[in-house]
Amino acid sequence: MDASRVWQTVKAPLILVTMLALLLVGTWWGLNQLKKPLPGPSVTPCVDTPIENGELKAQQVSIRVLNGSDLRGKAGEVQQALRAQGFRVVSTGNTPEPAEKTQVVGHSPDAPEVNLVAKHVVGAERVGNNRADHMVEIIVGSDYDGLVADAPRSLQVSTPSICLPEASEPVQGP
């Protein structure tokens, strides 16, 4: 048997085996890519925001309101009330799981922005989670008892600047 005849006999099976190997490697790689977790949303770190006259104003604080109660529309209701007080509410939504306790969540439980927001929410627990963006999140729990009508719209602070979300420049408030 000459070399050209051997090549013609072996060529088709060799190509098929090579194609099958490429298909298997591609399938293995694709399945491994599917198993990897998706990247989370990138969080923009906070920026130093000057505090005029040592007073943090409601307009400088960015808030996200999440409804964890079983009452429809609570996040929107809280959003409207907070906006009327001058806060910047950037988004609303629902918690993935029901929440029993109403919480004000921020970088730390004693952060100025958390303290100012907590003064507006009746009986809210202050929680810190070291979030890099210093966004304040209100989780409306089933124990939610409303907002304080005459709560202060500003808070005295002892620092010349505070790290706040980038979109927290003062805005025109009521």
Protein backbone atom coordinates (compact mmCIF):
# COMPACT_ATOMS: atom_id res chain seq x y z
CA MET A 1 0.00 0.00 0.00
CA ASP A 2 1.50 3.32 -1.00
CA ALA A 3 1.56 6.49 1.12
CA SER A 4 -1.17 8.33 -0.77
CA ARG A 5 -3.56 5.43 -0.37
CA VAL A 6 -2.79 5.21 3.39
CA TRP A 7 -3.35 8.97 3.72
CA GLN A 8 -6.72 8.77 1.97
CA THR A 9 -7.76 5.92 4.23
CA VAL A 10 -6.69 7.70 7.44
CA LYS A 11 -7.61 11.30 6.47
CA ALA A 12 -11.38 11.17 7.08
CA PRO A 13 -11.22 9.43 10.50
CA LEU A 14 -8.37 11.72 11.59
CA ILE A 15 -10.36 14.84 10.68
CA LEU A 16 -13.43 13.47 12.48
CA VAL A 17 -11.44 12.67 15.64
CA THR A 18 -9.87 16.15 15.57
CA MET A 19 -13.28 17.81 15.14
CA LEU A 20 -14.73 15.69 17.95
CA ALA A 21 -11.83 16.68 20.24
CA LEU A 22 -12.39 20.38 19.45
CA LEU A 23 -16.11 19.99 20.11
CA LEU A 24 -15.46 18.31 23.48
CA VAL A 25 -12.91 20.96 24.53
CA GLY A 26 -15.33 23.74 23.50
CA THR A 27 -18.18 22.12 25.42
CA TRP A 28 -16.01 21.68 28.52
CA TRP A 29 -14.86 25.32 28.37
CA GLY A 30 -18.42 26.61 27.83
CA LEU A 31 -19.82 24.64 30.75
CA ASN A 32 -17.04 25.92 33.02
CA GLN A 33 -17.85 29.50 31.96
CA LEU A 34 -21.54 28.96 32.77
CA LYS A 35 -20.68 27.74 36.26
CA LYS A 36 -18.75 30.91 37.14
CA PRO A 37 -20.73 33.49 39.14
CA LEU A 38 -21.73 36.63 37.29
CA PRO A 39 -19.81 39.75 38.25
CA GLY A 40 -21.72 41.92 40.69
CA PRO A 41 -22.57 45.52 39.97
CA SER A 42 -19.65 47.83 40.40
CA VAL A 43 -20.00 50.22 43.30
CA THR A 44 -18.69 53.71 42.88
CA PRO A 45 -16.88 54.63 46.07
CA CYS A 46 -17.92 57.76 47.88
CA VAL A 47 -16.29 61.13 47.35
CA ASP A 48 -15.37 63.71 49.97
CA THR A 49 -18.20 66.23 50.00
CA PRO A 50 -17.62 69.60 51.68
CA ILE A 51 -19.95 70.33 54.59
CA GLU A 52 -20.86 74.00 54.71
CA ASN A 53 -21.03 75.52 58.20
CA GLY A 54 -20.63 72.06 59.77
CA GLU A 55 -24.14 71.08 58.73
CA LEU A 56 -25.06 67.94 56.75
CA LYS A 57 -28.26 68.71 54.86
CA ALA A 58 -30.96 66.28 53.78
CA GLN A 59 -30.32 67.25 50.13
CA GLN A 60 -26.80 65.82 50.38
CA VAL A 61 -27.93 62.34 51.45
CA SER A 62 -28.76 59.67 48.85
CA ILE A 63 -31.28 57.04 49.91
CA ARG A 64 -32.55 53.75 48.50
CA VAL A 65 -35.91 52.57 49.94
CA LEU A 66 -36.73 48.85 49.96
CA ASN A 67 -40.09 47.45 50.99
CA GLY A 68 -39.73 44.36 53.15
CA SER A 69 -43.26 44.47 54.53
CA ASP A 70 -46.29 42.68 53.13
CA LEU A 71 -47.97 46.00 52.27
CA ARG A 72 -47.84 47.00 48.61
CA GLY A 73 -46.51 50.44 47.74
CA LYS A 74 -44.78 51.18 51.06
CA ALA A 75 -41.43 51.99 49.41
CA GLY A 76 -43.09 54.53 47.12
CA GLU A 77 -44.99 56.05 50.02
CA VAL A 78 -41.79 56.43 52.06
CA GLN A 79 -39.98 57.80 49.00
CA GLN A 80 -42.54 60.59 48.54
CA ALA A 81 -42.43 61.54 52.22
CA LEU A 82 -38.62 61.63 52.26
CA ARG A 83 -38.46 63.70 49.09
CA ALA A 84 -40.87 66.15 50.72
CA GLN A 85 -38.32 66.42 53.55
CA GLY A 86 -35.59 67.25 51.00
CA PHE A 87 -33.79 63.90 50.74
CA ARG A 88 -32.51 62.53 47.44
CA VAL A 89 -34.24 59.15 47.01
CA VAL A 90 -32.42 57.48 44.12
CA SER A 91 -34.41 54.24 43.90
CA THR A 92 -37.11 52.08 45.43
CA GLY A 93 -37.79 48.38 45.31
CA ASN A 94 -38.56 45.29 47.33
CA THR A 95 -36.35 43.15 49.52
CA PRO A 96 -35.80 39.57 48.35
CA GLU A 97 -37.08 38.27 51.69
CA PRO A 98 -39.67 39.73 54.09
CA ALA A 99 -38.21 41.97 56.80
CA GLU A 100 -39.63 42.05 60.30
CA LYS A 101 -37.63 45.06 61.55
CA THR A 102 -37.38 48.48 59.90
CA GLN A 103 -33.73 49.38 59.42
CA VAL A 104 -31.60 52.29 58.27
CA VAL A 105 -28.49 50.74 56.72
CA GLY A 106 -25.31 52.60 55.85
CA HIS A 107 -21.54 52.53 56.04
CA SER A 108 -21.66 52.41 59.83
CA PRO A 109 -24.50 52.72 62.37
CA ASP A 110 -23.07 56.01 63.65
CA ALA A 111 -22.26 57.59 60.26
CA PRO A 112 -23.70 61.13 60.00
CA GLU A 113 -25.84 60.30 56.96
CA VAL A 114 -27.31 57.27 58.78
CA ASN A 115 -27.99 59.35 61.90
CA LEU A 116 -29.80 62.04 59.91
CA VAL A 117 -32.00 59.54 58.06
CA ALA A 118 -32.69 57.51 61.23
CA LYS A 119 -34.06 60.65 62.92
CA HIS A 120 -36.84 60.57 60.30
CA VAL A 121 -37.86 56.89 60.63
CA VAL A 122 -39.84 55.96 63.75
CA GLY A 123 -38.18 53.14 65.71
CA ALA A 124 -35.69 52.19 62.99
CA GLU A 125 -32.68 50.09 63.87
CA ARG A 126 -29.35 51.53 62.64
CA VAL A 127 -27.13 49.01 60.85
CA GLY A 128 -23.65 49.35 59.37
CA ASN A 129 -22.33 47.16 56.57
CA ASN A 130 -19.15 49.00 55.47
CA ARG A 131 -20.60 49.85 52.07
CA ALA A 132 -18.07 51.77 50.01
CA ASP A 133 -20.54 54.19 48.42
CA HIS A 134 -22.05 55.52 51.71
CA MET A 135 -25.56 55.18 50.23
CA VAL A 136 -28.22 54.97 52.93
CA GLU A 137 -30.78 52.21 52.57
CA ILE A 138 -34.11 52.13 54.38
CA ILE A 139 -35.58 48.66 54.72
CA VAL A 140 -39.26 49.07 55.51
CA GLY A 141 -40.12 46.12 57.76
CA SER A 142 -43.50 44.85 58.90
CA ASP A 143 -43.03 46.87 62.14
CA TYR A 144 -42.81 50.15 60.15
CA ASP A 145 -44.57 52.89 62.10
CA GLY A 146 -44.16 55.91 59.82
CA LEU A 147 -41.89 58.91 59.60
CA VAL A 148 -41.30 61.63 62.18
CA ALA A 149 -43.14 64.71 60.93
CA ASP A 150 -40.93 67.35 62.57
CA ALA A 151 -37.55 65.60 62.24
CA PRO A 152 -34.55 67.85 61.54
CA ARG A 153 -33.56 68.40 57.91
CA SER A 154 -29.91 68.82 58.83
CA LEU A 155 -27.36 67.49 61.30
CA GLN A 156 -24.41 69.23 62.90
CA VAL A 157 -21.12 67.46 62.18
CA SER A 158 -17.62 68.19 63.40
CA THR A 159 -15.77 67.43 60.16
CA PRO A 160 -15.28 69.78 57.19
CA SER A 161 -16.23 67.04 54.71
CA ILE A 162 -18.04 63.71 54.61
CA CYS A 163 -17.69 60.83 52.19
CA LEU A 164 -21.01 60.63 50.31
CA PRO A 165 -22.17 59.07 47.03
CA GLU A 166 -20.98 61.00 43.99
CA ALA A 167 -24.52 62.05 43.02
CA SER A 168 -25.08 63.72 46.39
CA GLU A 169 -24.36 67.31 45.51
CA PRO A 170 -27.00 69.54 47.03
CA VAL A 171 -30.14 69.84 44.91
CA GLN A 172 -33.05 72.23 45.01
CA GLY A 173 -35.29 71.05 47.82
CA PRO A 174 -38.71 72.11 49.01
